Amino acid sequence: MLRQPRRETGPQPIPELLHRALFKGVSLLPPGGQAVVLRRYFDWWHRSPDPWRLQTDAYEQRKYATTLQVLPDRPYRRILDVGCAEGAFTHLIAAEYPEAQVTGVDISERALNRARARPGPPLLSFTRADLIAYGQPGEFDLVVCAETLYYLGRDDRLRLASARLVELVRPGGLLLLVHPWPEADRLYTYLGDPMTRVLHHVDEDAHRPFSVTVFQSQPGPDAAAQP
């Protein structure tokens, strides 16, 4: 169901503003240098398990449940979860689609080691990579990117990441994005052609409003022949 949300919003809390300013500064580095800083930053945070309580916090569980509820019901053979951290949502979607090959990607090896340590379906795997440099374009039926894009900072880096996300989705596949609302509108600025927004759900009742947005890649000329 497509819901047209209200546009009014109050100012962002000071910690979130400082958070965004920090990562805008880091994005002044070349992409390779930015990746090194982000890897060290997130490895430092993950020195302790689940530092943001992604596996236990009620708000996060509500967000995961909403995301799975509104996700279009279709077969997914290959799923990619970008910025998966310790795999809280990756494990959930792998359990929801046990016949799919699900890959979680994150820049922190410490986070991924904890994700790998949890039992999961045999087709679930985790890989350390920077989004901008990640390979395998056009191979995924579903690409998930949640609470990640604001770490990229300035618009030129966001443009690169958006182009990479689009390239990862196979023709006719879906890109699922979950970010704070209404900041999500700015974060998705560069997701133009060949993507079409097919679903937009906003949860304004949460203490930190968020949106779940689905874009579909334009089918290729041989889309009818794809299983």
Protein backbone atom coordinates (compact mmCIF):
# COMPACT_ATOMS: atom_id res chain seq x y z
CA MET A 1 0.00 0.00 0.00
CA LEU A 2 1.39 3.40 -1.02
CA ARG A 3 0.97 5.93 1.73
CA GLN A 4 1.48 9.65 1.19
CA PRO A 5 3.22 10.86 4.37
CA ARG A 6 3.12 14.24 6.01
CA ARG A 7 6.08 16.48 5.25
CA GLU A 8 6.16 18.37 8.53
CA THR A 9 8.97 17.46 10.86
CA GLY A 10 10.81 19.00 13.75
CA PRO A 11 14.55 19.66 13.90
CA GLN A 12 16.90 16.72 14.16
CA PRO A 13 18.37 16.02 17.61
CA ILE A 14 21.81 17.54 18.17
CA PRO A 15 23.59 14.12 18.40
CA GLU A 16 22.24 13.13 14.98
CA LEU A 17 23.31 16.45 13.45
CA LEU A 18 26.83 15.99 14.85
CA HIS A 19 26.81 12.41 13.59
CA ARG A 20 26.00 13.57 10.04
CA ALA A 21 28.62 16.34 10.21
CA LEU A 22 31.30 13.82 11.21
CA PHE A 23 30.66 11.61 8.21
CA LYS A 24 30.45 14.55 5.82
CA GLY A 25 33.96 15.43 6.96
CA VAL A 26 35.19 11.88 6.41
CA SER A 27 33.73 11.92 2.89
CA LEU A 28 36.21 14.66 1.94
CA LEU A 29 38.76 11.84 1.68
CA PRO A 30 39.13 9.85 -1.54
CA PRO A 31 36.81 6.80 -1.63
CA GLY A 32 39.61 4.42 -0.62
CA GLY A 33 40.61 6.60 2.32
CA GLN A 34 37.01 6.98 3.41
CA ALA A 35 36.60 3.19 3.37
CA VAL A 36 39.67 2.76 5.62
CA VAL A 37 38.34 5.27 8.16
CA LEU A 38 34.86 3.74 8.16
CA ARG A 39 36.28 0.23 8.59
CA ARG A 40 38.32 1.30 11.61
CA TYR A 41 35.41 3.29 13.02
CA PHE A 42 32.97 0.38 12.86
CA ASP A 43 35.52 -2.18 14.00
CA TRP A 44 36.04 0.04 17.04
CA TRP A 45 32.30 0.19 17.73
CA HIS A 46 32.00 -3.57 17.36
CA ARG A 47 34.67 -4.25 19.98
CA SER A 48 31.59 -5.16 22.07
CA PRO A 49 28.71 -7.25 20.71
CA ASP A 50 25.70 -5.51 19.19
CA PRO A 51 26.67 -1.95 20.20
CA TRP A 52 23.42 -0.44 18.84
CA ARG A 53 21.22 -3.27 20.23
CA LEU A 54 19.99 -4.13 16.74
CA GLN A 55 19.07 -7.63 17.88
CA THR A 56 17.13 -6.64 20.99
CA ASP A 57 15.84 -3.06 20.78
CA ALA A 58 12.04 -2.83 20.42
CA TYR A 59 12.29 -0.02 17.85
CA GLU A 60 14.63 -2.08 15.66
CA GLN A 61 12.37 -5.13 15.93
CA ARG A 62 9.39 -3.00 14.90
CA LYS A 63 11.33 -1.73 11.91
CA TYR A 64 12.34 -5.25 10.84
CA ALA A 65 8.78 -6.53 11.17
CA THR A 66 7.42 -3.60 9.15
CA THR A 67 10.03 -4.11 6.46
CA LEU A 68 9.23 -7.79 6.03
CA GLN A 69 5.49 -7.09 6.12
CA VAL A 70 5.52 -4.55 3.27
CA LEU A 71 8.15 -6.29 1.13
CA PRO A 72 6.46 -7.46 -2.11
CA ASP A 73 5.65 -11.16 -2.04
CA ARG A 74 7.59 -12.72 -4.88
CA PRO A 75 10.32 -15.35 -5.30
CA TYR A 76 13.84 -14.13 -4.48
CA ARG A 77 16.70 -16.35 -5.56
CA ARG A 78 19.55 -14.03 -4.58
CA ILE A 79 19.36 -11.40 -1.82
CA LEU A 80 22.05 -8.91 -0.80
CA ASP A 81 21.95 -7.02 2.52
CA VAL A 82 24.29 -4.01 2.31
CA GLY A 83 25.64 -2.63 5.59
CA CYS A 84 24.40 -5.66 7.49
CA ALA A 85 26.50 -5.11 10.68
CA GLU A 86 26.17 -8.25 12.85
CA GLY A 87 23.46 -9.63 10.60
CA ALA A 88 20.34 -9.01 12.71
CA PHE A 89 18.09 -8.37 9.70
CA THR A 90 20.13 -10.60 7.38
CA HIS A 91 19.34 -13.63 9.52
CA LEU A 92 15.65 -12.66 9.62
CA ILE A 93 15.29 -12.35 5.87
CA ALA A 94 17.29 -15.55 5.34
CA ALA A 95 14.83 -17.37 7.61
CA GLU A 96 11.93 -15.80 5.71
CA TYR A 97 13.36 -16.98 2.36
CA PRO A 98 15.32 -20.15 3.22
CA GLU A 99 15.66 -21.21 -0.42
CA ALA A 100 17.32 -17.92 -1.41
CA GLN A 101 21.06 -17.35 -1.50
CA VAL A 102 21.43 -14.51 1.01
CA THR A 103 24.65 -12.48 1.33
CA GLY A 104 25.33 -9.92 4.03
CA VAL A 105 27.97 -7.29 3.28
CA ASP A 106 29.59 -4.95 5.75
CA ILE A 107 32.81 -3.00 6.10
CA SER A 108 33.55 -4.30 9.63
CA GLU A 109 35.15 -7.72 9.93
CA ARG A 110 34.41 -7.79 13.66
CA ALA A 111 30.71 -7.35 12.97
CA LEU A 112 30.76 -10.03 10.29
CA ASN A 113 32.53 -12.54 12.52
CA ARG A 114 29.63 -12.27 14.97
CA ALA A 115 27.13 -12.58 12.13
CA ARG A 116 28.85 -15.76 10.93
CA ALA A 117 28.91 -17.22 14.44
CA ARG A 118 25.11 -17.33 14.63
CA PRO A 119 23.43 -20.43 13.16
CA GLY A 120 21.56 -19.81 9.95
CA PRO A 121 20.36 -21.43 6.72
CA PRO A 122 23.05 -23.11 4.61
CA LEU A 123 22.73 -20.54 1.79
CA LEU A 124 23.47 -17.60 4.12
CA SER A 125 26.94 -16.05 3.88
CA PHE A 126 28.76 -12.85 4.88
CA THR A 127 31.43 -10.87 3.01
CA ARG A 128 33.53 -7.86 4.02
CA ALA A 129 33.38 -5.12 1.40
CA ASP A 130 32.95 -1.42 0.85
CA LEU A 131 29.71 -0.68 -1.00
CA ILE A 132 31.30 1.59 -3.59
CA ALA A 133 33.88 -1.05 -4.51
CA TYR A 134 31.64 -4.12 -4.24
CA GLY A 135 31.45 -6.28 -7.37
CA GLN A 136 28.86 -8.66 -8.84
CA PRO A 137 26.63 -6.10 -10.62
CA GLY A 138 23.18 -7.07 -11.79
CA GLU A 139 23.02 -10.40 -9.99
CA PHE A 140 20.51 -9.83 -7.18
CA ASP A 141 16.73 -10.15 -7.19
CA LEU A 142 16.59 -8.08 -3.99
CA VAL A 143 19.13 -5.61 -2.59
CA VAL A 144 18.53 -4.31 0.94
CA CYS A 145 20.18 -1.18 2.29
CA ALA A 146 19.02 -0.01 5.73
CA GLU A 147 20.36 2.76 7.99
CA THR A 148 23.53 2.99 5.90
CA LEU A 149 23.46 5.76 3.29
CA TYR A 150 23.84 8.66 5.73
CA TYR A 151 27.31 7.35 6.65
CA LEU A 152 28.51 8.23 3.14
CA GLY A 153 28.46 11.97 3.75
CA ARG A 154 28.58 14.42 0.85
CA ASP A 155 26.42 14.27 -2.24
CA ASP A 156 29.18 13.15 -4.60
CA ARG A 157 29.79 10.05 -2.47
CA LEU A 158 26.07 9.43 -2.14
CA ARG A 159 25.82 9.62 -5.93
CA LEU A 160 28.50 6.94 -6.31
CA ALA A 161 26.83 4.66 -3.74
CA SER A 162 23.41 5.10 -5.34
CA ALA A 163 24.80 4.16 -8.74
CA ARG A 164 26.41 1.09 -7.21
CA LEU A 165 23.16 -0.02 -5.56
CA VAL A 166 21.33 0.33 -8.86
CA GLU A 167 24.01 -1.72 -10.65
CA LEU A 168 23.68 -4.56 -8.13
CA VAL A 169 19.98 -5.13 -8.89
CA ARG A 170 19.20 -7.43 -11.81
CA PRO A 171 16.71 -6.22 -14.44
CA GLY A 172 13.25 -6.37 -12.90
CA GLY A 173 14.69 -6.80 -9.39
CA LEU A 174 13.99 -4.73 -6.29
CA LEU A 175 15.98 -2.30 -4.16
CA LEU A 176 14.66 -2.07 -0.58
CA LEU A 177 15.72 1.00 1.40
CA VAL A 178 15.00 1.75 5.07
CA HIS A 179 16.13 5.07 6.56
CA PRO A 180 14.96 7.83 8.90
CA TRP A 181 12.07 9.93 7.62
CA PRO A 182 12.06 12.54 6.08
CA GLU A 183 15.86 12.39 5.65
CA ALA A 184 15.30 9.42 3.34
CA ASP A 185 14.05 11.76 0.60
CA ARG A 186 17.44 13.44 0.42
CA LEU A 187 19.34 10.16 0.64
CA TYR A 188 17.43 8.75 -2.37
CA THR A 189 17.95 11.82 -4.56
CA TYR A 190 20.21 10.01 -7.01
CA LEU A 191 18.07 6.89 -7.50
CA GLY A 192 16.63 7.88 -10.85
CA ASP A 193 16.43 5.88 -14.06
CA PRO A 194 16.39 2.94 -14.48
CA MET A 195 14.65 2.65 -11.07
CA THR A 196 10.94 3.19 -10.41
CA ARG A 197 9.52 3.64 -6.92
CA VAL A 198 6.85 1.00 -6.43
CA LEU A 199 6.22 1.18 -2.66
CA HIS A 200 6.64 3.82 0.01
CA HIS A 201 5.56 3.24 3.60
CA VAL A 202 6.24 5.70 6.42
CA ASP A 203 5.97 4.85 10.11
CA GLU A 204 5.44 8.21 11.78
CA ASP A 205 4.31 6.75 15.09
CA ALA A 206 7.76 5.47 16.04
CA HIS A 207 9.88 7.74 18.25
CA ARG A 208 12.27 8.04 15.29
CA PRO A 209 10.07 8.00 12.15
CA PHE A 210 11.35 5.81 9.33
CA SER A 211 10.37 4.94 5.80
CA VAL A 212 10.46 1.66 3.92
CA THR A 213 10.82 2.34 0.20
CA VAL A 214 11.04 -0.13 -2.67
CA PHE A 215 12.41 0.68 -6.11
CA GLN A 216 12.18 -1.67 -9.08
CA SER A 217 14.79 -1.91 -11.78
CA GLN A 218 13.47 -1.64 -15.31
CA PRO A 219 13.14 -5.10 -16.88
CA GLY A 220 15.64 -5.88 -19.62
CA PRO A 221 14.66 -6.91 -23.15
CA ASP A 222 14.88 -10.59 -22.20
CA ALA A 223 12.93 -10.23 -18.92
CA ALA A 224 10.14 -12.48 -20.14
CA ALA A 225 12.59 -15.35 -20.48
CA GLN A 226 13.88 -15.06 -16.90
CA PRO A 227 12.57 -17.68 -14.45
